[in-house]
N, C-alpha and C. Protein backbone atom coordinates (compact mmCIF):
# COMPACT_ATOMS: atom_id res chain seq x y z
N MET A 1 22.64 -13.59 28.31
CA MET A 1 21.49 -12.63 28.14
C MET A 1 21.22 -12.61 26.74
N VAL A 2 19.78 -13.00 26.46
CA VAL A 2 19.55 -12.86 25.08
C VAL A 2 19.03 -11.47 24.64
N ILE A 3 19.38 -11.14 23.48
CA ILE A 3 19.32 -9.70 23.14
C ILE A 3 17.87 -9.66 22.26
N PHE A 4 17.78 -10.27 21.13
CA PHE A 4 16.76 -10.09 20.35
C PHE A 4 16.15 -11.31 19.91
N GLY A 5 15.06 -11.77 20.56
CA GLY A 5 14.32 -12.85 20.11
C GLY A 5 14.90 -14.29 20.13
N GLY A 6 15.94 -14.55 20.64
CA GLY A 6 16.67 -15.69 20.51
C GLY A 6 16.43 -16.43 21.74
N GLY A 7 15.57 -17.22 22.01
CA GLY A 7 15.10 -17.70 23.25
C GLY A 7 14.05 -18.71 23.07
N SER A 8 13.07 -18.57 24.11
CA SER A 8 11.95 -19.30 24.21
C SER A 8 11.04 -18.72 23.03
N PRO A 9 10.20 -19.50 22.60
CA PRO A 9 9.07 -19.09 21.69
C PRO A 9 8.27 -17.90 22.25
N LYS A 10 8.12 -17.84 23.67
CA LYS A 10 7.23 -16.87 24.38
C LYS A 10 7.95 -15.75 24.23
N SER A 11 9.38 -15.55 24.46
CA SER A 11 9.86 -14.27 24.35
C SER A 11 10.10 -13.84 22.94
N MET A 12 10.05 -14.61 21.88
CA MET A 12 10.08 -14.20 20.53
C MET A 12 8.75 -13.73 20.12
N LEU A 13 7.70 -14.21 20.64
CA LEU A 13 6.42 -13.61 20.51
C LEU A 13 6.22 -12.32 21.13
N VAL A 14 6.72 -12.06 22.28
CA VAL A 14 6.62 -10.77 23.06
C VAL A 14 7.40 -9.72 22.13
N TYR A 15 8.70 -10.08 21.74
CA TYR A 15 9.54 -9.15 20.92
C TYR A 15 8.83 -8.90 19.46
N GLY A 16 8.17 -9.90 18.95
CA GLY A 16 7.39 -9.52 17.87
C GLY A 16 6.39 -8.59 18.01
N LEU A 17 5.42 -8.84 19.08
CA LEU A 17 4.29 -8.07 19.34
C LEU A 17 4.73 -6.58 19.58
N VAL A 18 5.84 -6.53 20.35
CA VAL A 18 6.41 -5.19 20.76
C VAL A 18 6.83 -4.53 19.41
N THR A 19 7.46 -5.17 18.53
CA THR A 19 7.85 -4.64 17.27
C THR A 19 6.67 -4.15 16.36
N MET A 20 5.67 -5.04 16.32
CA MET A 20 4.59 -4.57 15.58
C MET A 20 3.81 -3.45 16.30
N ALA A 21 3.84 -3.39 17.59
CA ALA A 21 3.16 -2.11 18.26
C ALA A 21 4.06 -1.02 17.83
N ILE A 22 5.22 -0.89 17.96
CA ILE A 22 6.16 0.11 17.69
C ILE A 22 5.77 0.70 16.15
N LEU A 23 5.63 -0.20 15.17
CA LEU A 23 5.55 0.01 13.81
C LEU A 23 4.16 0.65 13.61
N ALA A 24 3.05 0.02 14.31
CA ALA A 24 1.78 0.56 14.13
C ALA A 24 1.78 1.94 14.74
N PHE A 25 2.26 2.19 15.78
CA PHE A 25 2.43 3.60 16.54
C PHE A 25 3.06 4.53 15.45
N SER A 26 4.14 4.20 15.07
CA SER A 26 4.75 4.99 14.16
C SER A 26 4.02 5.35 12.81
N TYR A 27 3.20 4.40 12.31
CA TYR A 27 2.32 4.59 11.17
C TYR A 27 1.30 5.57 11.58
N PHE A 28 0.46 5.37 12.41
CA PHE A 28 -0.51 6.18 12.85
C PHE A 28 -0.21 7.61 13.47
N VAL A 29 0.97 7.82 13.93
CA VAL A 29 1.33 8.91 14.45
C VAL A 29 2.13 9.90 13.47
N ILE A 30 2.99 9.21 12.75
CA ILE A 30 3.98 9.88 11.84
C ILE A 30 3.59 9.82 10.48
N ILE A 31 3.31 8.64 9.86
CA ILE A 31 3.30 8.56 8.56
C ILE A 31 1.85 8.94 8.08
N LYS A 32 0.80 8.50 8.66
CA LYS A 32 -0.54 8.68 8.23
C LYS A 32 -0.83 10.19 8.13
N PRO A 33 -0.54 11.00 9.08
CA PRO A 33 -0.85 12.35 9.12
C PRO A 33 0.04 13.22 7.76
N ILE A 34 1.14 12.63 7.75
CA ILE A 34 1.88 13.18 6.67
C ILE A 34 1.21 12.92 5.29
N THR A 35 0.86 11.65 5.11
CA THR A 35 0.28 11.25 3.75
C THR A 35 -1.13 12.01 3.67
N ASN A 36 -1.93 12.17 4.71
CA ASN A 36 -3.22 12.87 4.68
C ASN A 36 -2.94 14.29 4.09
N SER A 37 -2.00 14.98 4.95
CA SER A 37 -1.58 16.40 4.59
C SER A 37 -1.16 16.41 3.03
N THR A 38 -0.46 15.49 2.56
CA THR A 38 -0.12 15.54 1.14
C THR A 38 -1.13 15.32 0.32
N ASN A 39 -2.08 14.43 0.67
CA ASN A 39 -3.07 14.26 -0.27
C ASN A 39 -4.05 15.46 -0.37
N ASP A 40 -4.34 16.08 0.75
CA ASP A 40 -5.03 17.45 0.82
C ASP A 40 -4.30 18.43 -0.06
N THR A 41 -2.99 18.68 0.16
CA THR A 41 -2.43 19.58 -0.69
C THR A 41 -2.58 19.36 -2.15
N VAL A 42 -2.33 18.07 -2.59
CA VAL A 42 -2.39 17.74 -3.98
C VAL A 42 -3.90 17.98 -4.57
N ASN A 43 -5.10 17.58 -3.73
CA ASN A 43 -6.44 17.87 -4.13
C ASN A 43 -6.60 19.32 -4.24
N ASN A 44 -6.01 20.01 -3.29
CA ASN A 44 -6.43 21.44 -3.49
C ASN A 44 -5.59 22.06 -4.64
N ALA A 45 -4.47 21.52 -4.98
CA ALA A 45 -3.86 22.02 -6.17
C ALA A 45 -4.53 21.50 -7.51
N PHE A 46 -5.19 20.52 -7.45
CA PHE A 46 -5.90 20.10 -8.61
C PHE A 46 -7.34 21.11 -8.68
N LYS A 47 -7.76 21.39 -7.53
CA LYS A 47 -9.13 22.17 -7.71
C LYS A 47 -8.67 23.49 -8.12
N GLN A 48 -7.51 24.14 -7.67
CA GLN A 48 -7.08 25.40 -8.21
C GLN A 48 -6.72 25.27 -9.63
N ALA A 49 -6.15 24.36 -10.12
CA ALA A 49 -5.76 24.06 -11.50
C ALA A 49 -7.00 24.05 -12.39
N ASN A 50 -8.16 23.33 -11.92
CA ASN A 50 -9.32 23.36 -12.68
C ASN A 50 -9.98 24.72 -12.75
N GLN A 51 -9.91 25.37 -11.75
CA GLN A 51 -10.49 26.73 -11.57
C GLN A 51 -9.86 27.62 -12.61
N ILE A 52 -8.53 27.65 -12.71
CA ILE A 52 -7.77 28.32 -13.57
C ILE A 52 -8.10 28.05 -14.88
N GLU A 53 -8.12 26.59 -15.33
CA GLU A 53 -8.59 26.12 -16.64
C GLU A 53 -9.90 26.53 -17.03
N LYS A 54 -10.91 26.66 -16.20
CA LYS A 54 -12.11 27.24 -16.38
C LYS A 54 -12.16 28.54 -16.90
N GLN A 55 -11.55 29.58 -15.90
CA GLN A 55 -11.18 30.81 -16.35
C GLN A 55 -10.49 31.21 -17.74
N ALA A 56 -9.55 30.33 -17.94
CA ALA A 56 -8.82 30.64 -19.33
C ALA A 56 -9.73 30.15 -20.38
N ASN A 57 -10.39 29.07 -20.20
CA ASN A 57 -11.42 28.86 -21.41
C ASN A 57 -12.45 29.89 -21.52
N LYS A 58 -12.92 30.45 -20.42
CA LYS A 58 -13.86 31.52 -20.45
C LYS A 58 -13.23 32.86 -21.13
N SER A 59 -12.12 32.93 -20.94
CA SER A 59 -11.52 34.24 -21.47
C SER A 59 -10.99 34.03 -22.93
N ILE A 60 -10.72 32.83 -23.30
CA ILE A 60 -10.58 32.36 -24.74
C ILE A 60 -11.93 32.55 -25.42
N ASN A 61 -13.04 32.03 -24.93
CA ASN A 61 -14.31 32.19 -25.49
C ASN A 61 -14.68 33.57 -25.96
N GLN A 62 -14.47 34.36 -24.83
CA GLN A 62 -14.78 35.75 -24.89
C GLN A 62 -13.97 36.47 -25.97
N GLY A 63 -12.52 36.06 -25.95
CA GLY A 63 -11.77 36.58 -27.03
C GLY A 63 -12.21 36.30 -28.46
N LEU A 64 -12.68 35.08 -28.57
CA LEU A 64 -12.99 34.48 -29.97
C LEU A 64 -14.34 35.23 -30.40
N ASN A 65 -15.25 35.40 -29.14
CA ASN A 65 -16.46 36.09 -29.57
C ASN A 65 -16.07 37.54 -29.98
N GLN A 66 -15.26 38.26 -29.40
CA GLN A 66 -14.90 39.49 -29.79
C GLN A 66 -14.23 39.56 -31.21
N ALA A 67 -13.38 38.53 -31.49
CA ALA A 67 -12.80 38.58 -32.74
C ALA A 67 -13.76 38.28 -33.86
N ASN A 68 -14.81 37.35 -33.54
CA ASN A 68 -15.93 37.20 -34.66
C ASN A 68 -16.63 38.39 -34.91
N LYS A 69 -17.00 39.17 -33.76
CA LYS A 69 -17.76 40.47 -33.99
C LYS A 69 -16.93 41.51 -34.98
N ALA A 70 -15.50 41.56 -34.46
CA ALA A 70 -14.62 42.52 -35.20
C ALA A 70 -14.65 42.05 -36.66
N GLU A 71 -14.43 40.73 -36.93
CA GLU A 71 -14.48 40.19 -38.35
C GLU A 71 -15.87 40.58 -39.13
N LYS A 72 -17.01 40.44 -38.43
CA LYS A 72 -18.25 40.62 -38.97
C LYS A 72 -18.20 42.24 -39.38
N GLN A 73 -17.86 42.96 -38.53
CA GLN A 73 -17.89 44.49 -38.65
C GLN A 73 -16.91 44.96 -39.83
N ALA A 74 -15.67 44.19 -39.85
CA ALA A 74 -14.88 44.65 -40.88
C ALA A 74 -15.41 44.17 -42.31
N ASN A 75 -16.09 42.87 -42.35
CA ASN A 75 -16.82 42.50 -43.47
C ASN A 75 -17.83 43.44 -44.08
N LYS A 76 -18.61 43.91 -43.06
CA LYS A 76 -19.59 45.00 -43.38
C LYS A 76 -19.02 46.33 -43.99
N GLN A 77 -17.93 46.67 -43.46
CA GLN A 77 -17.20 47.85 -43.90
C GLN A 77 -16.57 47.65 -45.22
N LEU A 78 -16.02 46.54 -45.53
CA LEU A 78 -15.62 46.11 -46.68
C LEU A 78 -16.63 46.10 -47.90
N LYS A 79 -17.81 45.46 -47.57
CA LYS A 79 -19.05 45.50 -48.41
C LYS A 79 -19.54 46.97 -48.78
N SER A 80 -19.62 47.71 -47.67
CA SER A 80 -20.19 49.04 -47.94
C SER A 80 -19.20 49.98 -48.68
N ALA A 81 -17.85 49.60 -48.55
CA ALA A 81 -16.82 50.47 -49.26
C ALA A 81 -16.77 49.98 -50.82
N GLY A 82 -17.05 48.81 -51.03
CA GLY A 82 -17.16 48.27 -52.44
C GLY A 82 -18.38 48.62 -53.21
N GLN A 83 -19.37 49.16 -52.59
CA GLN A 83 -20.53 49.48 -53.41
C GLN A 83 -20.48 50.90 -53.83
């Protein structure tokens, strides 16, 4: 009895096709959904990181504006105190 593909070329072709069918099934049913899910998770993480970065930049700009206003006010007070 022949176990794996050693025999006629016809049986080797059938074994090869069956193997390819099993591999294709495994890819489309197991591997592809996992990679799609992983890609979605990574894309969502990047979107969240971009939103956080935008919020941080906005907060930094607000802080700088407040610091500039405070500096101008301090300079005005120094000028008026010096006169």
